[in-house]
Amino acid sequence: MAKAAKTAIKTKDQKAAADAKNWTKVIKAVRSPKSGAYTFKEQILHKDKVKDFLAQK
């Protein structure tokens, strides 16, 4: 029964499912100038804007 429900969800809105493939989660390690420890910035971006995000300081 769960398999049928999963299939129904996939076929219900195929346009949204196809659009979701264009988004990605980007995680960037940023070093703190004060302590030298790393922190992480996470963001969900469109695949075309990933390089811009990683190029930022």
PDB file of N, CA and C in Angstrom:
ATOM      1  N   MET A   1       0.812  -1.190   0.000  1.00  0.00           N
ATOM      2  CA  MET A   1       0.000   0.000   0.000  1.00  0.00           C
ATOM      3  C   MET A   1       0.857   1.256   0.000  1.00  0.00           C
ATOM      4  N   ALA A   2       1.922   1.264   0.728  1.00  0.00           N
ATOM      5  CA  ALA A   2       2.791   2.437   0.767  1.00  0.00           C
ATOM      6  C   ALA A   2       3.414   2.700  -0.595  1.00  0.00           C
ATOM      7  N   LYS A   3       3.697   1.645  -1.325  1.00  0.00           N
ATOM      8  CA  LYS A   3       4.280   1.798  -2.642  1.00  0.00           C
ATOM      9  C   LYS A   3       3.321   2.522  -3.581  1.00  0.00           C
ATOM     10  N   ALA A   4       2.056   2.215  -3.513  1.00  0.00           N
ATOM     11  CA  ALA A   4       1.065   2.872  -4.360  1.00  0.00           C
ATOM     12  C   ALA A   4       0.950   4.353  -4.009  1.00  0.00           C
ATOM     13  N   ALA A   5       1.030   4.682  -2.726  1.00  0.00           N
ATOM     14  CA  ALA A   5       0.948   6.078  -2.310  1.00  0.00           C
ATOM     15  C   ALA A   5       2.168   6.849  -2.797  1.00  0.00           C
ATOM     16  N   LYS A   6       3.329   6.223  -2.740  1.00  0.00           N
ATOM     17  CA  LYS A   6       4.548   6.868  -3.199  1.00  0.00           C
ATOM     18  C   LYS A   6       4.468   7.149  -4.699  1.00  0.00           C
ATOM     19  N   THR A   7       3.940   6.199  -5.448  1.00  0.00           N
ATOM     20  CA  THR A   7       3.785   6.367  -6.888  1.00  0.00           C
ATOM     21  C   THR A   7       2.794   7.479  -7.186  1.00  0.00           C
ATOM     22  N   ALA A   8       1.752   7.570  -6.416  1.00  0.00           N
ATOM     23  CA  ALA A   8       0.750   8.613  -6.633  1.00  0.00           C
ATOM     24  C   ALA A   8       1.348   9.993  -6.405  1.00  0.00           C
ATOM     25  N   ILE A   9       2.220  10.110  -5.437  1.00  0.00           N
ATOM     26  CA  ILE A   9       2.854  11.402  -5.169  1.00  0.00           C
ATOM     27  C   ILE A   9       3.771  11.786  -6.323  1.00  0.00           C
ATOM     28  N   LYS A  10       4.517  10.840  -6.855  1.00  0.00           N
ATOM     29  CA  LYS A  10       5.427  11.131  -7.961  1.00  0.00           C
ATOM     30  C   LYS A  10       4.675  11.582  -9.207  1.00  0.00           C
ATOM     31  N   THR A  11       3.602  10.932  -9.518  1.00  0.00           N
ATOM     32  CA  THR A  11       2.899  11.230 -10.756  1.00  0.00           C
ATOM     33  C   THR A  11       1.953  12.414 -10.630  1.00  0.00           C
ATOM     34  N   LYS A  12       1.665  12.852  -9.427  1.00  0.00           N
ATOM     35  CA  LYS A  12       0.692  13.930  -9.240  1.00  0.00           C
ATOM     36  C   LYS A  12       1.205  15.250  -9.799  1.00  0.00           C
ATOM     37  N   ASP A  13       2.440  15.624  -9.486  1.00  0.00           N
ATOM     38  CA  ASP A  13       2.962  16.914  -9.921  1.00  0.00           C
ATOM     39  C   ASP A  13       4.357  16.730 -10.499  1.00  0.00           C
ATOM     40  N   GLN A  14       4.423  16.269 -11.717  1.00  0.00           N
ATOM     41  CA  GLN A  14       5.707  15.988 -12.345  1.00  0.00           C
ATOM     42  C   GLN A  14       6.486  17.254 -12.667  1.00  0.00           C
ATOM     43  N   LYS A  15       5.798  18.344 -12.924  1.00  0.00           N
ATOM     44  CA  LYS A  15       6.486  19.601 -13.231  1.00  0.00           C
ATOM     45  C   LYS A  15       7.261  20.097 -12.014  1.00  0.00           C
ATOM     46  N   ALA A  16       6.663  20.022 -10.843  1.00  0.00           N
ATOM     47  CA  ALA A  16       7.350  20.435  -9.624  1.00  0.00           C
ATOM     48  C   ALA A  16       8.513  19.510  -9.309  1.00  0.00           C
ATOM     49  N   ALA A  17       8.354  18.223  -9.563  1.00  0.00           N
ATOM     50  CA  ALA A  17       9.429  17.267  -9.326  1.00  0.00           C
ATOM     51  C   ALA A  17      10.596  17.536 -10.269  1.00  0.00           C
ATOM     52  N   ALA A  18      10.318  17.874 -11.500  1.00  0.00           N
ATOM     53  CA  ALA A  18      11.376  18.179 -12.460  1.00  0.00           C
ATOM     54  C   ALA A  18      12.077  19.474 -12.081  1.00  0.00           C
ATOM     55  N   ASP A  19      11.349  20.447 -11.580  1.00  0.00           N
ATOM     56  CA  ASP A  19      11.944  21.712 -11.168  1.00  0.00           C
ATOM     57  C   ASP A  19      12.801  21.537  -9.917  1.00  0.00           C
ATOM     58  N   ALA A  20      12.454  20.615  -9.062  1.00  0.00           N
ATOM     59  CA  ALA A  20      13.213  20.389  -7.825  1.00  0.00           C
ATOM     60  C   ALA A  20      14.618  19.873  -8.109  1.00  0.00           C
ATOM     61  N   LYS A  21      14.811  19.244  -9.239  1.00  0.00           N
ATOM     62  CA  LYS A  21      16.141  18.736  -9.599  1.00  0.00           C
ATOM     63  C   LYS A  21      17.115  19.862  -9.912  1.00  0.00           C
ATOM     64  N   ASN A  22      16.630  21.069 -10.113  1.00  0.00           N
ATOM     65  CA  ASN A  22      17.486  22.208 -10.425  1.00  0.00           C
ATOM     66  C   ASN A  22      18.022  22.904  -9.179  1.00  0.00           C
ATOM     67  N   TRP A  23      17.639  22.460  -8.005  1.00  0.00           N
ATOM     68  CA  TRP A  23      18.068  23.064  -6.752  1.00  0.00           C
ATOM     69  C   TRP A  23      19.052  22.148  -6.046  1.00  0.00           C
ATOM     70  N   THR A  24      20.006  22.747  -5.340  1.00  0.00           N
ATOM     71  CA  THR A  24      21.006  21.955  -4.636  1.00  0.00           C
ATOM     72  C   THR A  24      21.342  22.605  -3.303  1.00  0.00           C
ATOM     73  N   LYS A  25      21.751  21.802  -2.355  1.00  0.00           N
ATOM     74  CA  LYS A  25      22.166  22.305  -1.050  1.00  0.00           C
ATOM     75  C   LYS A  25      23.674  22.477  -1.085  1.00  0.00           C
ATOM     76  N   VAL A  26      24.135  23.682  -0.768  1.00  0.00           N
ATOM     77  CA  VAL A  26      25.557  24.003  -0.804  1.00  0.00           C
ATOM     78  C   VAL A  26      26.021  24.259   0.620  1.00  0.00           C
ATOM     79  N   ILE A  27      27.135  23.631   0.985  1.00  0.00           N
ATOM     80  CA  ILE A  27      27.724  23.815   2.306  1.00  0.00           C
ATOM     81  C   ILE A  27      29.127  24.358   2.106  1.00  0.00           C
ATOM     82  N   LYS A  28      29.411  25.491   2.752  1.00  0.00           N
ATOM     83  CA  LYS A  28      30.690  26.155   2.594  1.00  0.00           C
ATOM     84  C   LYS A  28      31.349  26.302   3.960  1.00  0.00           C
ATOM     85  N   ALA A  29      32.609  25.895   4.067  1.00  0.00           N
ATOM     86  CA  ALA A  29      33.362  26.052   5.308  1.00  0.00           C
ATOM     87  C   ALA A  29      33.970  27.452   5.329  1.00  0.00           C
ATOM     88  N   VAL A  30      33.745  28.177   6.431  1.00  0.00           N
ATOM     89  CA  VAL A  30      34.248  29.539   6.578  1.00  0.00           C
ATOM     90  C   VAL A  30      35.080  29.597   7.845  1.00  0.00           C
ATOM     91  N   ARG A  31      36.298  30.083   7.737  1.00  0.00           N
ATOM     92  CA  ARG A  31      37.191  30.158   8.883  1.00  0.00           C
ATOM     93  C   ARG A  31      36.994  31.482   9.619  1.00  0.00           C
ATOM     94  N   SER A  32      36.866  31.407  10.928  1.00  0.00           N
ATOM     95  CA  SER A  32      36.692  32.591  11.754  1.00  0.00           C
ATOM     96  C   SER A  32      38.045  33.276  11.929  1.00  0.00           C
ATOM     97  N   PRO A  33      38.113  34.584  11.665  1.00  0.00           N
ATOM     98  CA  PRO A  33      39.395  35.274  11.824  1.00  0.00           C
ATOM     99  C   PRO A  33      39.820  35.409  13.292  1.00  0.00           C
ATOM    100  N   LYS A  34      38.872  35.392  14.187  1.00  0.00           N
ATOM    101  CA  LYS A  34      39.169  35.569  15.612  1.00  0.00           C
ATOM    102  C   LYS A  34      39.717  34.296  16.247  1.00  0.00           C
ATOM    103  N   SER A  35      39.036  33.194  16.073  1.00  0.00           N
ATOM    104  CA  SER A  35      39.435  31.966  16.749  1.00  0.00           C
ATOM    105  C   SER A  35      40.133  30.967  15.823  1.00  0.00           C
ATOM    106  N   GLY A  36      39.959  31.121  14.522  1.00  0.00           N
ATOM    107  CA  GLY A  36      40.551  30.185  13.577  1.00  0.00           C
ATOM    108  C   GLY A  36      39.714  28.928  13.380  1.00  0.00           C
ATOM    109  N   ALA A  37      38.611  28.827  14.084  1.00  0.00           N
ATOM    110  CA  ALA A  37      37.740  27.658  13.947  1.00  0.00           C
ATOM    111  C   ALA A  37      36.884  27.799  12.688  1.00  0.00           C
ATOM    112  N   TYR A  38      36.457  26.680  12.174  1.00  0.00           N
ATOM    113  CA  TYR A  38      35.606  26.677  10.993  1.00  0.00           C
ATOM    114  C   TYR A  38      34.135  26.650  11.393  1.00  0.00           C
ATOM    115  N   THR A  39      33.351  27.405  10.661  1.00  0.00           N
ATOM    116  CA  THR A  39      31.897  27.337  10.757  1.00  0.00           C
ATOM    117  C   THR A  39      31.390  27.009   9.360  1.00  0.00           C
ATOM    118  N   PHE A  40      30.168  26.583   9.269  1.00  0.00           N
ATOM    119  CA  PHE A  40      29.634  26.154   7.990  1.00  0.00           C
ATOM    120  C   PHE A  40      28.399  26.964   7.637  1.00  0.00           C
ATOM    121  N   LYS A  41      28.369  27.449   6.409  1.00  0.00           N
ATOM    122  CA  LYS A  41      27.196  28.141   5.882  1.00  0.00           C
ATOM    123  C   LYS A  41      26.485  27.175   4.938  1.00  0.00           C
ATOM    124  N   GLU A  42      25.207  26.975   5.192  1.00  0.00           N
ATOM    125  CA  GLU A  42      24.396  26.092   4.357  1.00  0.00           C
ATOM    126  C   GLU A  42      23.319  26.917   3.676  1.00  0.00           C
ATOM    127  N   GLN A  43      23.103  26.618   2.414  1.00  0.00           N
ATOM    128  CA  GLN A  43      22.067  27.335   1.683  1.00  0.00           C
ATOM    129  C   GLN A  43      21.561  26.453   0.546  1.00  0.00           C
ATOM    130  N   ILE A  44      20.301  26.569   0.240  1.00  0.00           N
ATOM    131  CA  ILE A  44      19.720  25.858  -0.893  1.00  0.00           C
ATOM    132  C   ILE A  44      19.602  26.864  -2.031  1.00  0.00           C
ATOM    133  N   LEU A  45      20.295  26.557  -3.128  1.00  0.00           N
ATOM    134  CA  LEU A  45      20.387  27.486  -4.245  1.00  0.00           C
ATOM    135  C   LEU A  45      20.015  26.796  -5.549  1.00  0.00           C
ATOM    136  N   HIS A  46      19.674  27.622  -6.531  1.00  0.00           N
ATOM    137  CA  HIS A  46      19.483  27.111  -7.880  1.00  0.00           C
ATOM    138  C   HIS A  46      20.850  26.714  -8.419  1.00  0.00           C
ATOM    139  N   LYS A  47      20.908  25.698  -9.239  1.00  0.00           N
ATOM    140  CA  LYS A  47      22.188  25.163  -9.693  1.00  0.00           C
ATOM    141  C   LYS A  47      23.017  26.177 -10.477  1.00  0.00           C
ATOM    142  N   ASP A  48      22.395  27.201 -11.022  1.00  0.00           N
ATOM    143  CA  ASP A  48      23.129  28.221 -11.771  1.00  0.00           C
ATOM    144  C   ASP A  48      23.869  29.201 -10.864  1.00  0.00           C
ATOM    145  N   LYS A  49      23.511  29.282  -9.599  1.00  0.00           N
ATOM    146  CA  LYS A  49      24.097  30.264  -8.686  1.00  0.00           C
ATOM    147  C   LYS A  49      25.098  29.669  -7.704  1.00  0.00           C
ATOM    148  N   VAL A  50      25.443  28.397  -7.861  1.00  0.00           N
ATOM    149  CA  VAL A  50      26.348  27.733  -6.918  1.00  0.00           C
ATOM    150  C   VAL A  50      27.746  28.338  -6.976  1.00  0.00           C
ATOM    151  N   LYS A  51      28.278  28.565  -8.168  1.00  0.00           N
ATOM    152  CA  LYS A  51      29.632  29.105  -8.299  1.00  0.00           C
ATOM    153  C   LYS A  51      29.738  30.495  -7.694  1.00  0.00           C
ATOM    154  N   ASP A  52      28.698  31.309  -7.835  1.00  0.00           N
ATOM    155  CA  ASP A  52      28.707  32.654  -7.239  1.00  0.00           C
ATOM    156  C   ASP A  52      28.761  32.565  -5.725  1.00  0.00           C
ATOM    157  N   PHE A  53      28.002  31.640  -5.154  1.00  0.00           N
ATOM    158  CA  PHE A  53      27.982  31.467  -3.693  1.00  0.00           C
ATOM    159  C   PHE A  53      29.346  31.020  -3.177  1.00  0.00           C
ATOM    160  N   LEU A  54      29.978  30.099  -3.867  1.00  0.00           N
ATOM    161  CA  LEU A  54      31.265  29.594  -3.420  1.00  0.00           C
ATOM    162  C   LEU A  54      32.392  30.611  -3.643  1.00  0.00           C
ATOM    163  N   ALA A  55      32.221  31.536  -4.566  1.00  0.00           N
ATOM    164  CA  ALA A  55      33.238  32.550  -4.831  1.00  0.00           C
ATOM    165  C   ALA A  55      33.214  33.681  -3.800  1.00  0.00           C
ATOM    166  N   GLN A  56      32.106  33.838  -3.070  1.00  0.00           N
ATOM    167  CA  GLN A  56      32.002  34.900  -2.073  1.00  0.00           C
ATOM    168  C   GLN A  56      32.961  34.650  -0.926  1.00  0.00           C
ATOM    169  N   LYS A  57      33.409  35.739  -0.320  1.00  0.00           N
ATOM    170  CA  LYS A  57      34.250  35.594   0.873  1.00  0.00           C
ATOM    171  C   LYS A  57      33.449  35.853   2.104  1.00  0.00           C
TER     172      LYS A  57
END
